[in-house]
Amino acid sequence: MALQKNVKIKNRKARFEYEILDTYSAGIVLAGTEIKAIREGQASIAESFCEFHNSELFVINMTVQEYSHATHFNHNPKNERKLLLNRSELKKLEKEVKNSGLTIIPLLLYTNDKGIAKLQIALCKGKKEYDKRDTIKDRDNKRDLSRIKKAFNN
């Protein structure tokens, strides 16, 4: 599999499950085989979340498949990976998570123009069931309206 120039791996369920309050872009501490696997697009952030351990932020449950051309020095696919943010951002996030009961969810795993892997994380609040129904209803109404507009213009 060829390496991709720009990798963008999205967490599609995050915007449906959570109300996004604030977003940050964080670097990730990766091993050599992990970045190669990410550049091949073999990663998933669908069920991942972030936690604090000793005032450091880690992404938990992020899957990076083993690199196909590696030897026995390959990485563990479900490792906890440290996120790199400014100290002030880390303090603010830790305070929000502890006091308000909010959670930190990865939204997008991407590579920048220099080829460095970054993770866009968001401070989120969980949606209730009725909020999810409203989201589905709005999406359906928008789709129906666009169909009517398209039929009217033809």
C-alpha atoms as a PDB file:
ATOM      1  CA  MET A   1       0.000   0.000   0.000  1.00  0.00           C
ATOM      2  CA  ALA A   2       1.393   3.400  -0.971  1.00  0.00           C
ATOM      3  CA  LEU A   3       1.956   6.215   1.470  1.00  0.00           C
ATOM      4  CA  GLN A   4      -0.610   8.982   1.197  1.00  0.00           C
ATOM      5  CA  LYS A   5       0.373  12.623   0.953  1.00  0.00           C
ATOM      6  CA  ASN A   6      -2.352  13.921   3.260  1.00  0.00           C
ATOM      7  CA  VAL A   7      -4.093  11.610   5.706  1.00  0.00           C
ATOM      8  CA  LYS A   8      -7.450  12.607   7.219  1.00  0.00           C
ATOM      9  CA  ILE A   9      -9.080  10.008   9.451  1.00  0.00           C
ATOM     10  CA  LYS A  10     -12.354  11.254  10.928  1.00  0.00           C
ATOM     11  CA  ASN A  11     -14.384  10.235  13.948  1.00  0.00           C
ATOM     12  CA  ARG A  12     -17.793  10.429  12.306  1.00  0.00           C
ATOM     13  CA  LYS A  13     -19.815   9.423  15.365  1.00  0.00           C
ATOM     14  CA  ALA A  14     -18.354  12.154  17.571  1.00  0.00           C
ATOM     15  CA  ARG A  15     -20.465  15.022  16.227  1.00  0.00           C
ATOM     16  CA  PHE A  16     -23.611  12.898  16.588  1.00  0.00           C
ATOM     17  CA  GLU A  17     -22.873  11.585  20.092  1.00  0.00           C
ATOM     18  CA  TYR A  18     -21.424  14.792  21.607  1.00  0.00           C
ATOM     19  CA  GLU A  19     -21.994  18.519  21.659  1.00  0.00           C
ATOM     20  CA  ILE A  20     -18.636  20.104  20.801  1.00  0.00           C
ATOM     21  CA  LEU A  21     -17.673  23.069  22.959  1.00  0.00           C
ATOM     22  CA  ASP A  22     -14.028  23.768  22.049  1.00  0.00           C
ATOM     23  CA  THR A  23     -11.407  22.262  19.717  1.00  0.00           C
ATOM     24  CA  TYR A  24      -7.616  21.963  19.947  1.00  0.00           C
ATOM     25  CA  SER A  25      -4.882  20.640  17.683  1.00  0.00           C
ATOM     26  CA  ALA A  26      -2.403  18.362  19.459  1.00  0.00           C
ATOM     27  CA  GLY A  27       0.736  16.560  18.424  1.00  0.00           C
ATOM     28  CA  ILE A  28       1.125  12.833  19.136  1.00  0.00           C
ATOM     29  CA  VAL A  29       4.152  10.924  20.419  1.00  0.00           C
ATOM     30  CA  LEU A  30       4.526   8.006  17.977  1.00  0.00           C
ATOM     31  CA  ALA A  31       7.000   5.235  17.246  1.00  0.00           C
ATOM     32  CA  GLY A  32       8.505   4.860  13.765  1.00  0.00           C
ATOM     33  CA  THR A  33       6.221   2.034  12.682  1.00  0.00           C
ATOM     34  CA  GLU A  34       3.144   3.882  13.992  1.00  0.00           C
ATOM     35  CA  ILE A  35       3.660   6.943  11.798  1.00  0.00           C
ATOM     36  CA  LYS A  36       4.294   4.733   8.775  1.00  0.00           C
ATOM     37  CA  ALA A  37       1.025   2.876   9.393  1.00  0.00           C
ATOM     38  CA  ILE A  38      -0.839   6.189   9.819  1.00  0.00           C
ATOM     39  CA  ARG A  39       0.582   7.469   6.541  1.00  0.00           C
ATOM     40  CA  GLU A  40      -0.818   4.309   4.924  1.00  0.00           C
ATOM     41  CA  GLY A  41      -4.214   5.239   6.387  1.00  0.00           C
ATOM     42  CA  GLN A  42      -4.363   2.239   8.721  1.00  0.00           C
ATOM     43  CA  ALA A  43      -5.678   3.938  11.848  1.00  0.00           C
ATOM     44  CA  SER A  44      -9.014   4.379  13.575  1.00  0.00           C
ATOM     45  CA  ILE A  45     -10.181   6.873  16.198  1.00  0.00           C
ATOM     46  CA  ALA A  46     -13.836   5.778  16.202  1.00  0.00           C
ATOM     47  CA  GLU A  47     -14.009   4.546  19.803  1.00  0.00           C
ATOM     48  CA  SER A  48     -11.176   6.566  21.303  1.00  0.00           C
ATOM     49  CA  PHE A  49     -11.178   9.157  24.077  1.00  0.00           C
ATOM     50  CA  CYS A  50      -8.611  11.138  26.068  1.00  0.00           C
ATOM     51  CA  GLU A  51      -7.629  10.883  29.734  1.00  0.00           C
ATOM     52  CA  PHE A  52      -5.255  12.654  32.086  1.00  0.00           C
ATOM     53  CA  HIS A  53      -2.488  10.707  33.869  1.00  0.00           C
ATOM     54  CA  ASN A  54      -0.198  12.818  36.101  1.00  0.00           C
ATOM     55  CA  SER A  55      -1.197  16.069  34.351  1.00  0.00           C
ATOM     56  CA  GLU A  56      -0.379  14.593  30.925  1.00  0.00           C
ATOM     57  CA  LEU A  57      -3.014  13.916  28.286  1.00  0.00           C
ATOM     58  CA  PHE A  58      -3.180  10.477  26.648  1.00  0.00           C
ATOM     59  CA  VAL A  59      -5.405   9.175  23.870  1.00  0.00           C
ATOM     60  CA  ILE A  60      -6.905   5.816  24.831  1.00  0.00           C
ATOM     61  CA  ASN A  61      -8.295   3.120  22.513  1.00  0.00           C
ATOM     62  CA  MET A  62      -6.899   4.642  19.306  1.00  0.00           C
ATOM     63  CA  THR A  63      -6.103   1.809  16.926  1.00  0.00           C
ATOM     64  CA  VAL A  64      -3.060   2.004  14.662  1.00  0.00           C
ATOM     65  CA  GLN A  65      -2.679  -1.246  12.744  1.00  0.00           C
ATOM     66  CA  GLU A  66       0.712  -2.948  12.688  1.00  0.00           C
ATOM     67  CA  TYR A  67       2.978  -1.782   9.874  1.00  0.00           C
ATOM     68  CA  SER A  68       3.137  -4.458   7.191  1.00  0.00           C
ATOM     69  CA  HIS A  69       6.856  -4.066   6.336  1.00  0.00           C
ATOM     70  CA  ALA A  70       8.143  -4.031   9.925  1.00  0.00           C
ATOM     71  CA  THR A  71      10.109  -6.779  11.620  1.00  0.00           C
ATOM     72  CA  HIS A  72       9.651  -7.968  15.192  1.00  0.00           C
ATOM     73  CA  PHE A  73      10.095  -4.342  16.386  1.00  0.00           C
ATOM     74  CA  ASN A  74       6.482  -3.543  15.499  1.00  0.00           C
ATOM     75  CA  HIS A  75       4.206  -1.553  17.857  1.00  0.00           C
ATOM     76  CA  ASN A  76       1.149  -2.584  19.874  1.00  0.00           C
ATOM     77  CA  PRO A  77      -2.015  -1.457  17.972  1.00  0.00           C
ATOM     78  CA  LYS A  78      -3.941  -0.246  21.064  1.00  0.00           C
ATOM     79  CA  ASN A  79      -1.153   1.577  22.950  1.00  0.00           C
ATOM     80  CA  GLU A  80      -1.905   4.705  24.954  1.00  0.00           C
ATOM     81  CA  ARG A  81      -0.327   7.606  23.082  1.00  0.00           C
ATOM     82  CA  LYS A  82       0.734  10.852  24.701  1.00  0.00           C
ATOM     83  CA  LEU A  83      -0.662  14.099  23.302  1.00  0.00           C
ATOM     84  CA  LEU A  84       1.427  17.247  23.091  1.00  0.00           C
ATOM     85  CA  LEU A  85      -0.233  20.547  24.039  1.00  0.00           C
ATOM     86  CA  ASN A  86       0.846  23.788  25.687  1.00  0.00           C
ATOM     87  CA  ARG A  87       0.918  23.691  29.484  1.00  0.00           C
ATOM     88  CA  SER A  88      -1.786  26.354  29.722  1.00  0.00           C
ATOM     89  CA  GLU A  89      -4.071  24.363  27.398  1.00  0.00           C
ATOM     90  CA  LEU A  90      -3.469  21.203  29.430  1.00  0.00           C
ATOM     91  CA  LYS A  91      -4.318  22.980  32.698  1.00  0.00           C
ATOM     92  CA  LYS A  92      -7.479  24.476  31.217  1.00  0.00           C
ATOM     93  CA  LEU A  93      -8.628  21.114  29.835  1.00  0.00           C
ATOM     94  CA  GLU A  94      -7.861  19.262  33.063  1.00  0.00           C
ATOM     95  CA  LYS A  95      -9.819  21.826  35.083  1.00  0.00           C
ATOM     96  CA  GLU A  96     -12.816  21.591  32.737  1.00  0.00           C
ATOM     97  CA  VAL A  97     -12.825  17.789  32.790  1.00  0.00           C
ATOM     98  CA  LYS A  98     -12.569  17.543  36.589  1.00  0.00           C
ATOM     99  CA  ASN A  99     -15.013  20.323  37.503  1.00  0.00           C
ATOM    100  CA  SER A 100     -17.643  20.219  34.772  1.00  0.00           C
ATOM    101  CA  GLY A 101     -17.711  16.510  33.962  1.00  0.00           C
ATOM    102  CA  LEU A 102     -16.927  17.125  30.304  1.00  0.00           C
ATOM    103  CA  THR A 103     -14.945  14.713  28.151  1.00  0.00           C
ATOM    104  CA  ILE A 104     -12.222  15.027  25.518  1.00  0.00           C
ATOM    105  CA  ILE A 105     -12.850  13.234  22.226  1.00  0.00           C
ATOM    106  CA  PRO A 106     -10.591  13.002  19.129  1.00  0.00           C
ATOM    107  CA  LEU A 107     -12.310  14.360  16.017  1.00  0.00           C
ATOM    108  CA  LEU A 108      -9.681  14.093  13.289  1.00  0.00           C
ATOM    109  CA  LEU A 109      -6.308  12.408  12.828  1.00  0.00           C
ATOM    110  CA  TYR A 110      -4.367  14.137  10.064  1.00  0.00           C
ATOM    111  CA  THR A 111      -0.889  14.843   8.746  1.00  0.00           C
ATOM    112  CA  ASN A 112       0.155  18.434   8.182  1.00  0.00           C
ATOM    113  CA  ASP A 113       2.147  19.732   5.203  1.00  0.00           C
ATOM    114  CA  LYS A 114       5.426  18.664   6.865  1.00  0.00           C
ATOM    115  CA  GLY A 115       4.154  15.092   7.248  1.00  0.00           C
ATOM    116  CA  ILE A 116       3.744  15.298  11.031  1.00  0.00           C
ATOM    117  CA  ALA A 117       0.743  13.507  12.536  1.00  0.00           C
ATOM    118  CA  LYS A 118      -1.663  15.717  14.490  1.00  0.00           C
ATOM    119  CA  LEU A 119      -4.857  14.965  16.354  1.00  0.00           C
ATOM    120  CA  GLN A 120      -7.732  17.428  16.513  1.00  0.00           C
ATOM    121  CA  ILE A 121      -9.402  16.968  19.888  1.00  0.00           C
ATOM    122  CA  ALA A 122     -12.554  18.540  21.263  1.00  0.00           C
ATOM    123  CA  LEU A 123     -13.904  19.329  24.688  1.00  0.00           C
ATOM    124  CA  CYS A 124     -17.363  17.772  24.546  1.00  0.00           C
ATOM    125  CA  LYS A 125     -20.568  17.336  26.456  1.00  0.00           C
ATOM    126  CA  GLY A 126     -22.606  14.171  25.881  1.00  0.00           C
ATOM    127  CA  LYS A 127     -25.933  14.552  24.089  1.00  0.00           C
ATOM    128  CA  LYS A 128     -29.167  13.199  25.478  1.00  0.00           C
ATOM    129  CA  GLU A 129     -31.411  10.886  23.445  1.00  0.00           C
ATOM    130  CA  TYR A 130     -33.828  13.673  22.499  1.00  0.00           C
ATOM    131  CA  ASP A 131     -30.914  15.831  21.258  1.00  0.00           C
ATOM    132  CA  LYS A 132     -29.871  12.986  18.961  1.00  0.00           C
ATOM    133  CA  ARG A 133     -33.430  12.700  17.637  1.00  0.00           C
ATOM    134  CA  ASP A 134     -33.452  16.436  16.919  1.00  0.00           C
ATOM    135  CA  THR A 135     -30.169  16.071  15.021  1.00  0.00           C
ATOM    136  CA  ILE A 136     -31.613  13.264  12.891  1.00  0.00           C
ATOM    137  CA  LYS A 137     -34.804  15.263  12.255  1.00  0.00           C
ATOM    138  CA  ASP A 138     -32.857  18.369  11.199  1.00  0.00           C
ATOM    139  CA  ARG A 139     -30.664  16.319   8.872  1.00  0.00           C
ATOM    140  CA  ASP A 140     -33.711  14.672   7.251  1.00  0.00           C
ATOM    141  CA  ASN A 141     -35.476  18.033   6.825  1.00  0.00           C
ATOM    142  CA  LYS A 142     -32.382  19.532   5.236  1.00  0.00           C
ATOM    143  CA  ARG A 143     -32.095  16.595   2.832  1.00  0.00           C
ATOM    144  CA  ASP A 144     -35.800  16.830   1.867  1.00  0.00           C
ATOM    145  CA  LEU A 145     -35.501  20.587   1.328  1.00  0.00           C
ATOM    146  CA  SER A 146     -32.512  20.141  -0.969  1.00  0.00           C
ATOM    147  CA  ARG A 147     -34.436  17.518  -2.975  1.00  0.00           C
ATOM    148  CA  ILE A 148     -37.386  19.923  -3.392  1.00  0.00           C
ATOM    149  CA  LYS A 149     -35.054  22.749  -4.465  1.00  0.00           C
ATOM    150  CA  LYS A 150     -33.324  20.485  -6.977  1.00  0.00           C
ATOM    151  CA  ALA A 151     -36.661  19.293  -8.418  1.00  0.00           C
ATOM    152  CA  PHE A 152     -37.944  22.873  -8.605  1.00  0.00           C
ATOM    153  CA  ASN A 153     -34.860  24.112 -10.472  1.00  0.00           C
ATOM    154  CA  ASN A 154     -35.124  21.391 -13.159  1.00  0.00           C
END
